[in-house]
Amino acid sequence: MSKSLLYHYYPSKEDLLYAVMSAHVETLVEDVETIGPDGGTPADELRRVLGLFMQHYMGASDQQKVLLNELENLPPERRSEIVAKQRRIVDAVQKVLVAARPELGGDSGMARARTMLLFGMLNWTMTWYDPEGPVDPARMVDAMAEMALGGGGA
């Protein structure tokens, strides 16, 4: 694609950054919107949404890197829109995590810390993970869920 064609659709670099980030985050919002009572346990629901995230992250490592590293380069209003969607995603996952680990319900600080640790694992996995390697994506999701759901004193 030529530079002139790119700037025909995206008048500025900030517009391009926003488009990349917004599309990626919106996909994750759609994933958390699928959370709901489907007859499974909260732990099953957490594994399911982590599986959806992994599917989307595997095909979007470049978008994820842009989101993680370039958010501060957006104008404040657009940055606020992305951050609001990120918070919605984090809040939805935290709600499922607390449902799966009820003892976290009385400790909002630890509930948020465990949720952010889970996102830390998920967000950075694509920097080193090879889905064609010895651990397939389903096993990777199981390992993440096991770590998030495991003991370790809430």
C-alpha atoms as a PDB file:
ATOM      1  CA  MET A   1       0.000   0.000   0.000  1.00  0.00           C
ATOM      2  CA  SER A   2       1.327   3.424  -0.830  1.00  0.00           C
ATOM      3  CA  LYS A   3       1.701   6.158   1.742  1.00  0.00           C
ATOM      4  CA  SER A   4      -0.766   8.355  -0.136  1.00  0.00           C
ATOM      5  CA  LEU A   5      -3.408   5.617  -0.124  1.00  0.00           C
ATOM      6  CA  LEU A   6      -2.879   5.030   3.588  1.00  0.00           C
ATOM      7  CA  TYR A   7      -3.322   8.732   4.345  1.00  0.00           C
ATOM      8  CA  HIS A   8      -6.443   8.799   2.161  1.00  0.00           C
ATOM      9  CA  TYR A   9      -8.132   6.521   4.710  1.00  0.00           C
ATOM     10  CA  TYR A  10      -6.270   7.690   7.830  1.00  0.00           C
ATOM     11  CA  PRO A  11      -5.541  11.425   7.779  1.00  0.00           C
ATOM     12  CA  SER A  12      -2.987  11.168  10.606  1.00  0.00           C
ATOM     13  CA  LYS A  13      -0.788   8.674  12.414  1.00  0.00           C
ATOM     14  CA  GLU A  14      -3.029   9.063  15.452  1.00  0.00           C
ATOM     15  CA  ASP A  15      -6.046   8.051  13.344  1.00  0.00           C
ATOM     16  CA  LEU A  16      -4.227   4.937  12.202  1.00  0.00           C
ATOM     17  CA  LEU A  17      -3.138   4.066  15.757  1.00  0.00           C
ATOM     18  CA  TYR A  18      -6.682   4.548  17.003  1.00  0.00           C
ATOM     19  CA  ALA A  19      -8.123   2.342  14.267  1.00  0.00           C
ATOM     20  CA  VAL A  20      -5.695  -0.477  15.079  1.00  0.00           C
ATOM     21  CA  MET A  21      -6.271  -0.247  18.830  1.00  0.00           C
ATOM     22  CA  SER A  22     -10.010   0.220  18.629  1.00  0.00           C
ATOM     23  CA  ALA A  23     -10.564  -2.772  16.353  1.00  0.00           C
ATOM     24  CA  HIS A  24      -8.448  -5.013  18.585  1.00  0.00           C
ATOM     25  CA  VAL A  25     -10.072  -3.891  21.841  1.00  0.00           C
ATOM     26  CA  GLU A  26     -13.558  -4.114  20.336  1.00  0.00           C
ATOM     27  CA  THR A  27     -12.930  -7.779  19.488  1.00  0.00           C
ATOM     28  CA  LEU A  28     -12.046  -8.417  23.138  1.00  0.00           C
ATOM     29  CA  VAL A  29     -15.156  -6.526  24.288  1.00  0.00           C
ATOM     30  CA  GLU A  30     -17.210  -8.826  22.075  1.00  0.00           C
ATOM     31  CA  ASP A  31     -15.488 -11.793  23.739  1.00  0.00           C
ATOM     32  CA  VAL A  32     -16.441 -10.683  27.251  1.00  0.00           C
ATOM     33  CA  GLU A  33     -19.980  -9.944  26.110  1.00  0.00           C
ATOM     34  CA  THR A  34     -20.352 -13.690  25.543  1.00  0.00           C
ATOM     35  CA  ILE A  35     -19.794 -14.325  29.269  1.00  0.00           C
ATOM     36  CA  GLY A  36     -22.995 -15.548  30.784  1.00  0.00           C
ATOM     37  CA  PRO A  37     -24.798 -18.469  32.272  1.00  0.00           C
ATOM     38  CA  ASP A  38     -24.391 -21.355  29.869  1.00  0.00           C
ATOM     39  CA  GLY A  39     -24.718 -24.132  32.393  1.00  0.00           C
ATOM     40  CA  GLY A  40     -20.974 -24.291  33.086  1.00  0.00           C
ATOM     41  CA  THR A  41     -19.129 -23.316  36.218  1.00  0.00           C
ATOM     42  CA  PRO A  42     -17.468 -19.928  36.598  1.00  0.00           C
ATOM     43  CA  ALA A  43     -14.115 -21.720  36.158  1.00  0.00           C
ATOM     44  CA  ASP A  44     -15.378 -23.139  32.852  1.00  0.00           C
ATOM     45  CA  GLU A  45     -16.509 -19.661  31.831  1.00  0.00           C
ATOM     46  CA  LEU A  46     -13.078 -18.233  32.641  1.00  0.00           C
ATOM     47  CA  ARG A  47     -11.391 -20.930  30.549  1.00  0.00           C
ATOM     48  CA  ARG A  48     -13.798 -20.250  27.688  1.00  0.00           C
ATOM     49  CA  VAL A  49     -13.181 -16.492  27.614  1.00  0.00           C
ATOM     50  CA  LEU A  50      -9.417 -17.030  27.935  1.00  0.00           C
ATOM     51  CA  GLY A  51      -9.682 -19.388  24.963  1.00  0.00           C
ATOM     52  CA  LEU A  52     -11.439 -16.678  22.948  1.00  0.00           C
ATOM     53  CA  PHE A  53      -8.799 -14.154  23.942  1.00  0.00           C
ATOM     54  CA  MET A  54      -6.007 -16.551  22.926  1.00  0.00           C
ATOM     55  CA  GLN A  55      -7.643 -17.138  19.530  1.00  0.00           C
ATOM     56  CA  HIS A  56      -7.753 -13.407  18.917  1.00  0.00           C
ATOM     57  CA  TYR A  57      -4.330 -12.655  20.351  1.00  0.00           C
ATOM     58  CA  MET A  58      -2.655 -15.318  18.195  1.00  0.00           C
ATOM     59  CA  GLY A  59      -3.744 -13.545  15.050  1.00  0.00           C
ATOM     60  CA  ALA A  60      -3.184 -10.070  16.413  1.00  0.00           C
ATOM     61  CA  SER A  61       0.224  -9.951  18.054  1.00  0.00           C
ATOM     62  CA  ASP A  62       1.110  -6.774  16.147  1.00  0.00           C
ATOM     63  CA  GLN A  63      -2.122  -5.071  17.220  1.00  0.00           C
ATOM     64  CA  GLN A  64      -1.527  -6.166  20.812  1.00  0.00           C
ATOM     65  CA  LYS A  65       1.988  -4.721  20.752  1.00  0.00           C
ATOM     66  CA  VAL A  66       0.630  -1.427  19.397  1.00  0.00           C
ATOM     67  CA  LEU A  67      -1.988  -1.360  22.157  1.00  0.00           C
ATOM     68  CA  LEU A  68       0.542  -2.116  24.885  1.00  0.00           C
ATOM     69  CA  ASN A  69       3.244   0.263  23.683  1.00  0.00           C
ATOM     70  CA  GLU A  70       1.546   3.159  21.890  1.00  0.00           C
ATOM     71  CA  LEU A  71      -1.534   4.054  23.918  1.00  0.00           C
ATOM     72  CA  GLU A  72       0.118   7.201  25.253  1.00  0.00           C
ATOM     73  CA  ASN A  73       0.512   8.472  21.676  1.00  0.00           C
ATOM     74  CA  LEU A  74      -3.234   8.828  21.199  1.00  0.00           C
ATOM     75  CA  PRO A  75      -4.949  12.158  21.818  1.00  0.00           C
ATOM     76  CA  PRO A  76      -6.512  12.192  25.321  1.00  0.00           C
ATOM     77  CA  GLU A  77     -10.120  11.766  24.171  1.00  0.00           C
ATOM     78  CA  ARG A  78      -9.353   8.726  22.047  1.00  0.00           C
ATOM     79  CA  ARG A  79      -7.050   7.289  24.717  1.00  0.00           C
ATOM     80  CA  SER A  80      -9.947   7.588  27.186  1.00  0.00           C
ATOM     81  CA  GLU A  81     -12.221   5.626  24.844  1.00  0.00           C
ATOM     82  CA  ILE A  82      -9.707   2.777  24.575  1.00  0.00           C
ATOM     83  CA  VAL A  83      -9.013   2.771  28.317  1.00  0.00           C
ATOM     84  CA  ALA A  84     -12.760   2.651  29.072  1.00  0.00           C
ATOM     85  CA  LYS A  85     -13.113  -0.434  26.871  1.00  0.00           C
ATOM     86  CA  GLN A  86     -10.062  -2.025  28.501  1.00  0.00           C
ATOM     87  CA  ARG A  87     -11.577  -1.443  31.943  1.00  0.00           C
ATOM     88  CA  ARG A  88     -14.830  -3.009  30.800  1.00  0.00           C
ATOM     89  CA  ILE A  89     -12.903  -6.108  29.696  1.00  0.00           C
ATOM     90  CA  VAL A  90     -10.910  -6.294  32.932  1.00  0.00           C
ATOM     91  CA  ASP A  91     -14.041  -5.792  35.064  1.00  0.00           C
ATOM     92  CA  ALA A  92     -15.889  -8.579  33.250  1.00  0.00           C
ATOM     93  CA  VAL A  93     -13.000 -11.014  33.691  1.00  0.00           C
ATOM     94  CA  GLN A  94     -12.643 -10.032  37.337  1.00  0.00           C
ATOM     95  CA  LYS A  95     -16.320 -10.751  37.912  1.00  0.00           C
ATOM     96  CA  VAL A  96     -15.890 -14.273  36.514  1.00  0.00           C
ATOM     97  CA  LEU A  97     -12.706 -14.810  38.511  1.00  0.00           C
ATOM     98  CA  VAL A  98     -14.465 -13.770  41.736  1.00  0.00           C
ATOM     99  CA  ALA A  99     -17.363 -16.077  40.916  1.00  0.00           C
ATOM    100  CA  ALA A 100     -14.875 -18.917  40.510  1.00  0.00           C
ATOM    101  CA  ARG A 101     -12.927 -17.898  43.631  1.00  0.00           C
ATOM    102  CA  PRO A 102     -15.606 -16.555  46.015  1.00  0.00           C
ATOM    103  CA  GLU A 103     -13.047 -15.784  48.736  1.00  0.00           C
ATOM    104  CA  LEU A 104     -11.850 -12.940  46.504  1.00  0.00           C
ATOM    105  CA  GLY A 105     -15.260 -11.289  46.823  1.00  0.00           C
ATOM    106  CA  GLY A 106     -14.333  -9.895  50.216  1.00  0.00           C
ATOM    107  CA  ASP A 107     -10.943  -8.583  49.094  1.00  0.00           C
ATOM    108  CA  SER A 108     -11.339  -6.243  46.131  1.00  0.00           C
ATOM    109  CA  GLY A 109      -7.641  -5.383  46.101  1.00  0.00           C
ATOM    110  CA  MET A 110      -6.556  -9.006  45.753  1.00  0.00           C
ATOM    111  CA  ALA A 111      -9.337  -9.681  43.244  1.00  0.00           C
ATOM    112  CA  ARG A 112      -8.014  -6.866  41.053  1.00  0.00           C
ATOM    113  CA  ALA A 113      -4.408  -7.968  41.557  1.00  0.00           C
ATOM    114  CA  ARG A 114      -5.188 -11.546  40.458  1.00  0.00           C
ATOM    115  CA  THR A 115      -7.145 -10.242  37.485  1.00  0.00           C
ATOM    116  CA  MET A 116      -4.288  -7.998  36.393  1.00  0.00           C
ATOM    117  CA  LEU A 117      -1.783 -10.839  36.881  1.00  0.00           C
ATOM    118  CA  LEU A 118      -3.952 -12.931  34.567  1.00  0.00           C
ATOM    119  CA  PHE A 119      -3.950 -10.174  31.958  1.00  0.00           C
ATOM    120  CA  GLY A 120      -0.212  -9.789  32.395  1.00  0.00           C
ATOM    121  CA  MET A 121       0.205 -13.445  31.466  1.00  0.00           C
ATOM    122  CA  LEU A 122      -2.182 -13.156  28.557  1.00  0.00           C
ATOM    123  CA  ASN A 123      -0.935  -9.858  27.156  1.00  0.00           C
ATOM    124  CA  TRP A 124       2.709 -10.860  27.018  1.00  0.00           C
ATOM    125  CA  THR A 125       2.272 -14.463  25.923  1.00  0.00           C
ATOM    126  CA  MET A 126       2.349 -13.469  22.265  1.00  0.00           C
ATOM    127  CA  THR A 127       5.853 -12.051  22.634  1.00  0.00           C
ATOM    128  CA  TRP A 128       7.304 -15.540  23.195  1.00  0.00           C
ATOM    129  CA  TYR A 129       4.616 -18.150  22.565  1.00  0.00           C
ATOM    130  CA  ASP A 130       4.667 -20.331  19.450  1.00  0.00           C
ATOM    131  CA  PRO A 131       1.272 -21.984  18.870  1.00  0.00           C
ATOM    132  CA  GLU A 132       3.046 -24.527  16.655  1.00  0.00           C
ATOM    133  CA  GLY A 133       5.428 -25.410  19.493  1.00  0.00           C
ATOM    134  CA  PRO A 134       5.183 -28.164  22.108  1.00  0.00           C
ATOM    135  CA  VAL A 135       2.274 -26.571  24.020  1.00  0.00           C
ATOM    136  CA  ASP A 136      -0.874 -26.115  21.974  1.00  0.00           C
ATOM    137  CA  PRO A 137      -3.172 -23.137  22.606  1.00  0.00           C
ATOM    138  CA  ALA A 138      -5.755 -25.182  24.541  1.00  0.00           C
ATOM    139  CA  ARG A 139      -3.096 -26.376  26.977  1.00  0.00           C
ATOM    140  CA  MET A 140      -1.785 -22.837  27.295  1.00  0.00           C
ATOM    141  CA  VAL A 141      -5.282 -21.598  28.197  1.00  0.00           C
ATOM    142  CA  ASP A 142      -5.613 -24.411  30.754  1.00  0.00           C
ATOM    143  CA  ALA A 143      -2.278 -23.407  32.321  1.00  0.00           C
ATOM    144  CA  MET A 144      -3.358 -19.748  32.558  1.00  0.00           C
ATOM    145  CA  ALA A 145      -6.693 -20.677  34.085  1.00  0.00           C
ATOM    146  CA  GLU A 146      -5.050 -23.076  36.517  1.00  0.00           C
ATOM    147  CA  MET A 147      -2.651 -20.366  37.663  1.00  0.00           C
ATOM    148  CA  ALA A 148      -5.491 -17.836  38.042  1.00  0.00           C
ATOM    149  CA  LEU A 149      -7.794 -20.260  39.825  1.00  0.00           C
ATOM    150  CA  GLY A 150      -5.191 -22.012  41.935  1.00  0.00           C
ATOM    151  CA  GLY A 151      -4.691 -21.492  45.626  1.00  0.00           C
ATOM    152  CA  GLY A 152      -2.164 -19.178  47.064  1.00  0.00           C
ATOM    153  CA  GLY A 153      -4.016 -17.264  49.725  1.00  0.00           C
ATOM    154  CA  ALA A 154      -6.424 -14.665  48.503  1.00  0.00           C
END
